[in-house]
N, C-alpha and C. Protein backbone atom coordinates (compact mmCIF):
# COMPACT_ATOMS: atom_id res chain seq x y z
N ARG A 1 -10.30 6.73 -5.60
CA ARG A 1 -9.93 7.70 -4.59
C ARG A 1 -8.58 7.33 -4.00
N ILE A 2 -7.80 8.30 -3.70
CA ILE A 2 -6.49 8.09 -3.10
C ILE A 2 -6.64 8.09 -1.58
N VAL A 3 -6.08 7.08 -0.94
CA VAL A 3 -6.06 7.00 0.53
C VAL A 3 -4.66 7.44 0.96
N PRO A 4 -4.56 8.53 1.70
CA PRO A 4 -3.26 9.11 2.02
C PRO A 4 -2.51 8.43 3.17
N ILE A 5 -2.46 7.12 3.13
CA ILE A 5 -1.70 6.37 4.13
C ILE A 5 -0.64 5.61 3.36
N GLY A 6 0.61 5.85 3.70
CA GLY A 6 1.69 5.23 2.94
C GLY A 6 2.84 4.78 3.81
N GLY A 7 3.95 4.53 3.16
CA GLY A 7 5.12 4.03 3.84
C GLY A 7 5.59 4.91 4.98
N ALA A 8 5.56 6.22 4.78
CA ALA A 8 6.00 7.14 5.83
C ALA A 8 5.07 7.08 7.04
N THR A 9 3.79 6.80 6.80
CA THR A 9 2.83 6.68 7.90
C THR A 9 3.20 5.48 8.78
N PHE A 10 3.54 4.36 8.13
CA PHE A 10 3.98 3.18 8.88
C PHE A 10 5.26 3.49 9.65
N THR A 11 6.21 4.14 8.98
CA THR A 11 7.49 4.44 9.61
C THR A 11 7.32 5.35 10.83
N LYS A 12 6.50 6.38 10.71
CA LYS A 12 6.27 7.29 11.83
C LYS A 12 5.63 6.55 13.00
N ALA A 13 4.68 5.67 12.71
CA ALA A 13 4.03 4.90 13.78
C ALA A 13 5.04 4.01 14.50
N ILE A 14 5.94 3.41 13.75
CA ILE A 14 6.99 2.57 14.35
C ILE A 14 7.91 3.42 15.22
N ALA A 15 8.34 4.56 14.69
CA ALA A 15 9.23 5.46 15.44
C ALA A 15 8.58 5.90 16.74
N ASP A 16 7.31 6.28 16.68
CA ASP A 16 6.60 6.73 17.88
C ASP A 16 6.44 5.60 18.89
N ARG A 17 6.05 4.42 18.42
CA ARG A 17 5.79 3.29 19.32
C ARG A 17 7.07 2.79 19.98
N LEU A 18 8.15 2.71 19.20
CA LEU A 18 9.39 2.15 19.74
C LEU A 18 10.33 3.20 20.30
N GLY A 19 10.00 4.48 20.12
CA GLY A 19 10.86 5.54 20.63
C GLY A 19 12.20 5.61 19.93
N VAL A 20 12.20 5.40 18.62
CA VAL A 20 13.44 5.45 17.83
C VAL A 20 13.31 6.54 16.78
N GLY A 21 14.42 6.87 16.15
CA GLY A 21 14.41 7.87 15.09
C GLY A 21 13.77 7.33 13.82
N PHE A 22 13.45 8.25 12.91
CA PHE A 22 12.77 7.88 11.67
C PHE A 22 13.62 6.91 10.85
N ASP A 23 14.94 7.13 10.77
CA ASP A 23 15.81 6.26 9.97
C ASP A 23 15.84 4.84 10.53
N VAL A 24 15.92 4.72 11.85
CA VAL A 24 15.91 3.39 12.48
C VAL A 24 14.56 2.72 12.24
N ALA A 25 13.48 3.48 12.38
CA ALA A 25 12.14 2.93 12.16
C ALA A 25 11.97 2.47 10.72
N GLU A 26 12.51 3.22 9.78
CA GLU A 26 12.43 2.84 8.36
C GLU A 26 13.16 1.51 8.13
N ARG A 27 14.35 1.38 8.72
CA ARG A 27 15.11 0.14 8.58
C ARG A 27 14.35 -1.04 9.19
N LEU A 28 13.76 -0.83 10.37
CA LEU A 28 12.97 -1.89 11.01
C LEU A 28 11.78 -2.29 10.14
N LYS A 29 11.12 -1.30 9.56
CA LYS A 29 9.97 -1.58 8.69
C LYS A 29 10.39 -2.43 7.50
N ILE A 30 11.49 -2.05 6.87
CA ILE A 30 11.95 -2.76 5.67
C ILE A 30 12.44 -4.17 6.02
N GLU A 31 13.22 -4.29 7.08
CA GLU A 31 13.83 -5.57 7.42
C GLU A 31 12.88 -6.53 8.12
N ARG A 32 12.03 -6.02 9.02
CA ARG A 32 11.21 -6.92 9.84
C ARG A 32 9.73 -6.60 9.82
N GLY A 33 9.36 -5.54 9.12
CA GLY A 33 7.96 -5.12 9.12
C GLY A 33 7.05 -6.08 8.38
N GLN A 34 5.88 -6.27 8.94
CA GLN A 34 4.89 -7.16 8.33
C GLN A 34 3.52 -6.85 8.95
N VAL A 35 2.49 -6.91 8.12
CA VAL A 35 1.13 -6.78 8.63
C VAL A 35 0.67 -8.19 8.98
N HIS A 36 0.38 -8.41 10.24
CA HIS A 36 -0.04 -9.74 10.70
C HIS A 36 -1.55 -9.87 10.64
N ARG A 37 -2.00 -11.10 10.44
CA ARG A 37 -3.44 -11.36 10.46
C ARG A 37 -3.95 -11.22 11.88
N ARG A 38 -5.24 -10.92 12.00
CA ARG A 38 -5.85 -10.81 13.33
C ARG A 38 -5.65 -12.12 14.10
N GLY A 39 -5.25 -11.97 15.36
CA GLY A 39 -5.08 -13.14 16.22
C GLY A 39 -3.77 -13.89 16.04
N GLU A 40 -2.95 -13.47 15.08
CA GLU A 40 -1.68 -14.15 14.85
C GLU A 40 -0.71 -13.81 15.99
N ASP A 41 -0.06 -14.84 16.53
CA ASP A 41 0.87 -14.63 17.64
C ASP A 41 2.17 -13.99 17.13
N VAL A 42 2.65 -13.02 17.89
CA VAL A 42 3.93 -12.38 17.61
C VAL A 42 4.75 -12.48 18.88
N HIS A 43 5.95 -13.05 18.76
CA HIS A 43 6.79 -13.29 19.94
C HIS A 43 7.84 -12.21 20.10
N GLY A 44 8.12 -11.85 21.33
CA GLY A 44 9.12 -10.84 21.65
C GLY A 44 8.49 -9.47 21.79
N SER A 45 8.93 -8.73 22.79
CA SER A 45 8.30 -7.43 23.07
C SER A 45 8.53 -6.42 21.95
N GLU A 46 9.75 -6.37 21.39
CA GLU A 46 9.99 -5.42 20.31
C GLU A 46 9.20 -5.82 19.06
N GLU A 47 9.17 -7.11 18.76
CA GLU A 47 8.41 -7.58 17.59
C GLU A 47 6.92 -7.28 17.77
N ARG A 48 6.42 -7.46 19.00
CA ARG A 48 5.01 -7.19 19.28
C ARG A 48 4.71 -5.70 19.11
N ALA A 49 5.60 -4.84 19.62
CA ALA A 49 5.41 -3.39 19.47
C ALA A 49 5.47 -2.98 18.00
N LEU A 50 6.37 -3.58 17.25
CA LEU A 50 6.48 -3.32 15.82
C LEU A 50 5.19 -3.74 15.12
N ALA A 51 4.70 -4.93 15.44
CA ALA A 51 3.46 -5.43 14.83
C ALA A 51 2.26 -4.57 15.20
N GLU A 52 2.21 -4.10 16.44
CA GLU A 52 1.09 -3.25 16.87
C GLU A 52 1.10 -1.91 16.14
N ALA A 53 2.28 -1.31 16.00
CA ALA A 53 2.38 -0.02 15.29
C ALA A 53 1.94 -0.18 13.84
N ILE A 54 2.42 -1.21 13.19
CA ILE A 54 2.06 -1.46 11.80
C ILE A 54 0.58 -1.81 11.70
N GLY A 55 0.09 -2.61 12.64
CA GLY A 55 -1.32 -3.02 12.63
C GLY A 55 -2.28 -1.85 12.76
N GLU A 56 -1.92 -0.88 13.59
CA GLU A 56 -2.79 0.30 13.76
C GLU A 56 -2.91 1.09 12.47
N VAL A 57 -1.80 1.24 11.75
CA VAL A 57 -1.83 1.97 10.48
C VAL A 57 -2.62 1.17 9.44
N ALA A 58 -2.41 -0.14 9.41
CA ALA A 58 -3.14 -0.98 8.46
C ALA A 58 -4.65 -0.91 8.73
N GLU A 59 -5.04 -0.92 10.01
CA GLU A 59 -6.47 -0.79 10.35
C GLU A 59 -7.02 0.56 9.90
N ALA A 60 -6.24 1.62 10.07
CA ALA A 60 -6.67 2.95 9.63
C ALA A 60 -6.86 2.97 8.11
N ALA A 61 -5.97 2.29 7.40
CA ALA A 61 -6.10 2.21 5.93
C ALA A 61 -7.39 1.49 5.55
N VAL A 62 -7.68 0.39 6.23
CA VAL A 62 -8.92 -0.35 5.96
C VAL A 62 -10.13 0.54 6.20
N LEU A 63 -10.14 1.26 7.32
CA LEU A 63 -11.27 2.15 7.62
C LEU A 63 -11.44 3.23 6.56
N ASP A 64 -10.33 3.80 6.12
CA ASP A 64 -10.38 4.86 5.11
C ASP A 64 -10.89 4.31 3.77
N ILE A 65 -10.40 3.14 3.39
CA ILE A 65 -10.86 2.52 2.14
C ILE A 65 -12.34 2.15 2.25
N ARG A 66 -12.72 1.58 3.40
CA ARG A 66 -14.13 1.20 3.60
C ARG A 66 -15.03 2.43 3.52
N ARG A 67 -14.62 3.55 4.12
CA ARG A 67 -15.40 4.79 4.03
C ARG A 67 -15.55 5.24 2.57
N SER A 68 -14.48 5.12 1.82
CA SER A 68 -14.53 5.50 0.40
C SER A 68 -15.50 4.62 -0.37
N ILE A 69 -15.47 3.33 -0.10
CA ILE A 69 -16.38 2.40 -0.77
C ILE A 69 -17.82 2.69 -0.35
N ASP A 70 -18.04 2.93 0.93
CA ASP A 70 -19.39 3.25 1.41
C ASP A 70 -19.91 4.53 0.77
N TYR A 71 -19.06 5.54 0.66
CA TYR A 71 -19.46 6.80 0.02
C TYR A 71 -19.80 6.56 -1.45
N HIS A 72 -18.98 5.78 -2.11
CA HIS A 72 -19.22 5.42 -3.51
C HIS A 72 -20.57 4.73 -3.65
N ASP A 73 -20.83 3.76 -2.79
CA ASP A 73 -22.11 3.03 -2.83
C ASP A 73 -23.29 3.96 -2.56
N LEU A 74 -23.12 4.89 -1.63
CA LEU A 74 -24.18 5.85 -1.32
C LEU A 74 -24.49 6.72 -2.54
N GLN A 75 -23.47 7.14 -3.25
CA GLN A 75 -23.67 7.94 -4.45
C GLN A 75 -24.42 7.15 -5.52
N LEU A 76 -24.15 5.86 -5.60
CA LEU A 76 -24.80 5.01 -6.60
C LEU A 76 -26.26 4.75 -6.26
N SER A 77 -26.60 4.83 -4.99
CA SER A 77 -27.99 4.55 -4.61
C SER A 77 -28.95 5.58 -5.21
N GLY A 78 -28.40 6.65 -5.75
CA GLY A 78 -29.22 7.68 -6.38
C GLY A 78 -29.63 7.35 -7.80
N GLY A 79 -29.23 6.22 -8.33
CA GLY A 79 -29.70 5.86 -9.66
C GLY A 79 -28.71 5.15 -10.55
N ALA A 80 -27.42 5.45 -10.45
CA ALA A 80 -26.45 4.79 -11.32
C ALA A 80 -26.31 3.34 -10.89
N GLU A 81 -26.40 2.45 -11.86
CA GLU A 81 -26.30 1.02 -11.54
C GLU A 81 -25.14 0.40 -12.29
N GLY A 82 -24.69 -0.73 -11.80
CA GLY A 82 -23.68 -1.50 -12.49
C GLY A 82 -22.25 -1.01 -12.29
N VAL A 83 -22.06 -0.05 -11.42
CA VAL A 83 -20.71 0.47 -11.19
C VAL A 83 -20.36 0.20 -9.72
N GLU A 84 -20.03 -1.03 -9.43
CA GLU A 84 -19.71 -1.38 -8.06
C GLU A 84 -18.20 -1.58 -7.91
N VAL A 85 -17.72 -1.44 -6.70
CA VAL A 85 -16.31 -1.66 -6.44
C VAL A 85 -16.07 -3.16 -6.44
N LYS A 86 -15.18 -3.60 -7.33
CA LYS A 86 -14.93 -5.04 -7.47
C LYS A 86 -13.54 -5.45 -6.99
N ARG A 87 -12.65 -4.45 -6.82
CA ARG A 87 -11.30 -4.77 -6.37
C ARG A 87 -10.64 -3.52 -5.82
N VAL A 88 -9.55 -3.74 -5.11
CA VAL A 88 -8.75 -2.65 -4.55
C VAL A 88 -7.37 -2.75 -5.19
N ILE A 89 -6.87 -1.61 -5.64
CA ILE A 89 -5.54 -1.56 -6.24
C ILE A 89 -4.66 -0.69 -5.36
N LEU A 90 -3.54 -1.26 -4.92
CA LEU A 90 -2.61 -0.56 -4.04
C LEU A 90 -1.39 -0.09 -4.83
N SER A 91 -0.85 1.06 -4.44
CA SER A 91 0.39 1.54 -5.05
C SER A 91 1.21 2.27 -4.00
N GLY A 92 2.43 2.57 -4.35
CA GLY A 92 3.31 3.29 -3.44
C GLY A 92 4.17 2.36 -2.61
N GLY A 93 5.12 2.94 -1.92
CA GLY A 93 6.06 2.14 -1.13
C GLY A 93 5.42 1.39 0.01
N GLY A 94 4.44 1.99 0.67
CA GLY A 94 3.76 1.31 1.78
C GLY A 94 3.00 0.07 1.33
N ALA A 95 2.60 0.06 0.07
CA ALA A 95 1.83 -1.07 -0.46
C ALA A 95 2.64 -2.35 -0.54
N VAL A 96 3.97 -2.23 -0.59
CA VAL A 96 4.80 -3.43 -0.70
C VAL A 96 5.17 -4.02 0.66
N LEU A 97 4.67 -3.43 1.74
CA LEU A 97 4.92 -3.98 3.07
C LEU A 97 4.35 -5.40 3.14
N ARG A 98 5.16 -6.32 3.61
CA ARG A 98 4.73 -7.73 3.66
C ARG A 98 3.39 -7.89 4.36
N GLY A 99 2.49 -8.60 3.70
CA GLY A 99 1.19 -8.91 4.28
C GLY A 99 0.14 -7.83 4.14
N PHE A 100 0.51 -6.63 3.67
CA PHE A 100 -0.44 -5.51 3.61
C PHE A 100 -1.56 -5.77 2.61
N ALA A 101 -1.22 -6.17 1.40
CA ALA A 101 -2.25 -6.41 0.38
C ALA A 101 -3.20 -7.52 0.83
N GLU A 102 -2.66 -8.57 1.41
CA GLU A 102 -3.49 -9.68 1.87
C GLU A 102 -4.42 -9.23 3.00
N TYR A 103 -3.90 -8.43 3.91
CA TYR A 103 -4.69 -7.92 5.03
C TYR A 103 -5.84 -7.06 4.52
N ILE A 104 -5.55 -6.14 3.61
CA ILE A 104 -6.58 -5.27 3.05
C ILE A 104 -7.66 -6.12 2.38
N GLY A 105 -7.24 -7.08 1.58
CA GLY A 105 -8.19 -7.94 0.88
C GLY A 105 -9.08 -8.73 1.82
N GLU A 106 -8.48 -9.30 2.87
CA GLU A 106 -9.25 -10.08 3.83
C GLU A 106 -10.23 -9.21 4.60
N GLU A 107 -9.78 -8.05 5.04
CA GLU A 107 -10.64 -7.17 5.84
C GLU A 107 -11.79 -6.59 5.03
N LEU A 108 -11.55 -6.30 3.76
CA LEU A 108 -12.60 -5.70 2.93
C LEU A 108 -13.41 -6.74 2.16
N GLY A 109 -12.91 -7.96 2.10
CA GLY A 109 -13.60 -8.99 1.34
C GLY A 109 -13.57 -8.72 -0.16
N LEU A 110 -12.51 -8.07 -0.62
CA LEU A 110 -12.36 -7.75 -2.04
C LEU A 110 -10.99 -8.19 -2.53
N PRO A 111 -10.91 -8.64 -3.79
CA PRO A 111 -9.59 -8.93 -4.34
C PRO A 111 -8.72 -7.67 -4.27
N THR A 112 -7.49 -7.82 -3.87
CA THR A 112 -6.58 -6.69 -3.73
C THR A 112 -5.30 -7.01 -4.46
N GLU A 113 -4.85 -6.06 -5.25
CA GLU A 113 -3.65 -6.30 -6.05
C GLU A 113 -2.76 -5.06 -6.06
N MET A 114 -1.52 -5.29 -6.45
CA MET A 114 -0.57 -4.19 -6.57
C MET A 114 -0.70 -3.58 -7.96
N PHE A 115 -0.68 -2.26 -8.01
CA PHE A 115 -0.68 -1.57 -9.29
C PHE A 115 0.69 -1.74 -9.92
N GLU A 116 0.70 -2.10 -11.18
CA GLU A 116 1.94 -2.29 -11.92
C GLU A 116 2.08 -1.18 -12.95
N PRO A 117 2.65 -0.05 -12.59
CA PRO A 117 2.69 1.10 -13.49
C PRO A 117 3.55 0.87 -14.73
N LEU A 118 4.42 -0.13 -14.70
CA LEU A 118 5.29 -0.37 -15.84
C LEU A 118 4.69 -1.35 -16.85
N SER A 119 3.53 -1.91 -16.54
CA SER A 119 2.98 -2.95 -17.40
C SER A 119 2.61 -2.45 -18.79
N ASN A 120 2.29 -1.19 -18.95
CA ASN A 120 1.92 -0.66 -20.26
C ASN A 120 2.94 0.32 -20.83
N ILE A 121 4.14 0.26 -20.31
CA ILE A 121 5.19 1.15 -20.78
C ILE A 121 6.19 0.34 -21.60
N THR A 122 6.44 0.79 -22.81
CA THR A 122 7.39 0.12 -23.69
C THR A 122 8.79 0.64 -23.38
N VAL A 123 9.69 -0.30 -23.17
CA VAL A 123 11.07 0.06 -22.85
C VAL A 123 11.97 -0.46 -23.96
N ASN A 124 12.92 0.35 -24.36
CA ASN A 124 13.90 -0.04 -25.36
C ASN A 124 14.54 -1.36 -24.93
N PRO A 125 14.60 -2.38 -25.83
CA PRO A 125 15.15 -3.69 -25.46
C PRO A 125 16.57 -3.62 -24.90
N ARG A 126 17.39 -2.67 -25.37
CA ARG A 126 18.76 -2.55 -24.85
C ARG A 126 18.75 -2.11 -23.39
N VAL A 127 17.75 -1.33 -23.02
CA VAL A 127 17.64 -0.85 -21.64
C VAL A 127 16.93 -1.88 -20.77
N ALA A 128 15.96 -2.59 -21.36
CA ALA A 128 15.13 -3.54 -20.60
C ALA A 128 15.96 -4.59 -19.89
N SER A 129 17.04 -5.05 -20.52
CA SER A 129 17.86 -6.09 -19.89
C SER A 129 18.51 -5.60 -18.59
N LYS A 130 18.66 -4.30 -18.45
CA LYS A 130 19.26 -3.74 -17.25
C LYS A 130 18.22 -3.44 -16.17
N LEU A 131 16.96 -3.65 -16.50
CA LEU A 131 15.87 -3.29 -15.59
C LEU A 131 15.16 -4.50 -14.98
N GLU A 132 15.86 -5.60 -14.84
CA GLU A 132 15.22 -6.82 -14.33
C GLU A 132 14.51 -6.62 -13.01
N ASP A 133 15.10 -5.87 -12.11
CA ASP A 133 14.53 -5.70 -10.77
C ASP A 133 13.57 -4.52 -10.67
N VAL A 134 13.34 -3.81 -11.75
CA VAL A 134 12.47 -2.64 -11.69
C VAL A 134 11.03 -3.05 -11.36
N GLY A 135 10.60 -4.22 -11.81
CA GLY A 135 9.24 -4.67 -11.52
C GLY A 135 8.95 -4.72 -10.04
N ALA A 136 9.96 -5.06 -9.24
CA ALA A 136 9.77 -5.15 -7.80
C ALA A 136 9.52 -3.80 -7.16
N VAL A 137 10.05 -2.75 -7.76
CA VAL A 137 9.85 -1.41 -7.20
C VAL A 137 8.80 -0.62 -7.96
N GLY A 138 8.16 -1.25 -8.93
CA GLY A 138 7.15 -0.58 -9.74
C GLY A 138 6.12 0.20 -8.95
N PRO A 139 5.52 -0.39 -7.90
CA PRO A 139 4.51 0.35 -7.14
C PRO A 139 5.03 1.65 -6.53
N MET A 140 6.34 1.73 -6.32
CA MET A 140 6.92 2.94 -5.74
C MET A 140 7.19 4.02 -6.79
N LEU A 141 7.04 3.66 -8.06
CA LEU A 141 7.35 4.59 -9.15
C LEU A 141 6.13 5.32 -9.67
N VAL A 142 4.98 5.10 -9.06
CA VAL A 142 3.72 5.62 -9.58
C VAL A 142 3.74 7.13 -9.78
N VAL A 143 4.16 7.88 -8.79
CA VAL A 143 4.14 9.34 -8.89
C VAL A 143 5.09 9.81 -9.99
N GLY A 144 6.30 9.29 -10.00
CA GLY A 144 7.28 9.69 -11.01
C GLY A 144 6.81 9.38 -12.42
N ILE A 145 6.25 8.19 -12.62
CA ILE A 145 5.75 7.82 -13.95
C ILE A 145 4.57 8.70 -14.33
N GLY A 146 3.68 8.95 -13.39
CA GLY A 146 2.53 9.81 -13.67
C GLY A 146 2.95 11.21 -14.07
N LEU A 147 3.92 11.77 -13.36
CA LEU A 147 4.41 13.11 -13.71
C LEU A 147 5.08 13.11 -15.08
N ALA A 148 5.85 12.07 -15.37
CA ALA A 148 6.52 11.99 -16.67
C ALA A 148 5.49 11.87 -17.79
N LEU A 149 4.47 11.04 -17.59
CA LEU A 149 3.44 10.88 -18.62
C LEU A 149 2.65 12.16 -18.81
N ARG A 150 2.42 12.90 -17.74
CA ARG A 150 1.69 14.15 -17.86
C ARG A 150 2.45 15.12 -18.77
N GLU A 151 3.77 15.13 -18.64
CA GLU A 151 4.58 16.00 -19.50
C GLU A 151 4.48 15.57 -20.96
N VAL A 152 4.42 14.26 -21.21
CA VAL A 152 4.31 13.75 -22.58
C VAL A 152 2.96 14.11 -23.17
N VAL A 153 1.90 13.97 -22.37
CA VAL A 153 0.54 14.23 -22.84
C VAL A 153 0.28 15.72 -23.01
N ASP A 154 0.76 16.54 -22.07
CA ASP A 154 0.54 17.98 -22.14
C ASP A 154 1.29 18.53 -23.31
C-alpha cells in the first residue's frame, strides 16, 4: 500500500511551523532536516521547531503504515496464512530524510529499507560511468521509472 506522506508533506509542516515560505522550508529540510529519536535532545529554538515539525509528520507516517499493517493482518485472519508483513520499503524524496528509515523501523519493530529502483535496470556501460551519483537519488526516481517501464510493457 502506498502511504501518501512524502517530502512535500515534511516541507509544508516546516513552513507552517517556522512561518517561512515553501522554498526556505525545503532548503531547511535538505540542509538541516532530520528525524530525531524519541527523547533525543535538540538544542536551539529554531532547531527544536524544525525537529518538532518533522517529528509530527514522521509520527503520522508511522500511524498510517501501522494502520495499513493492521488492516492487512485483519484481512489475513479470515483464512490466508503465511503472508505476514516482514519489512517496510520506503521510496520517494521524503524517504531519504536523515533518520526517517531508522525511525520508521524502530517505531514499527520491522526492518526498513530504501527501495532501489535502479537495482534491476541494465544501463549501457558507456552511460553508467556518468551515473555514479544516481544511486543516491534512486528513491526519488520511482515514479519516473515506473512510468517509463509502463510504456515499455504496454
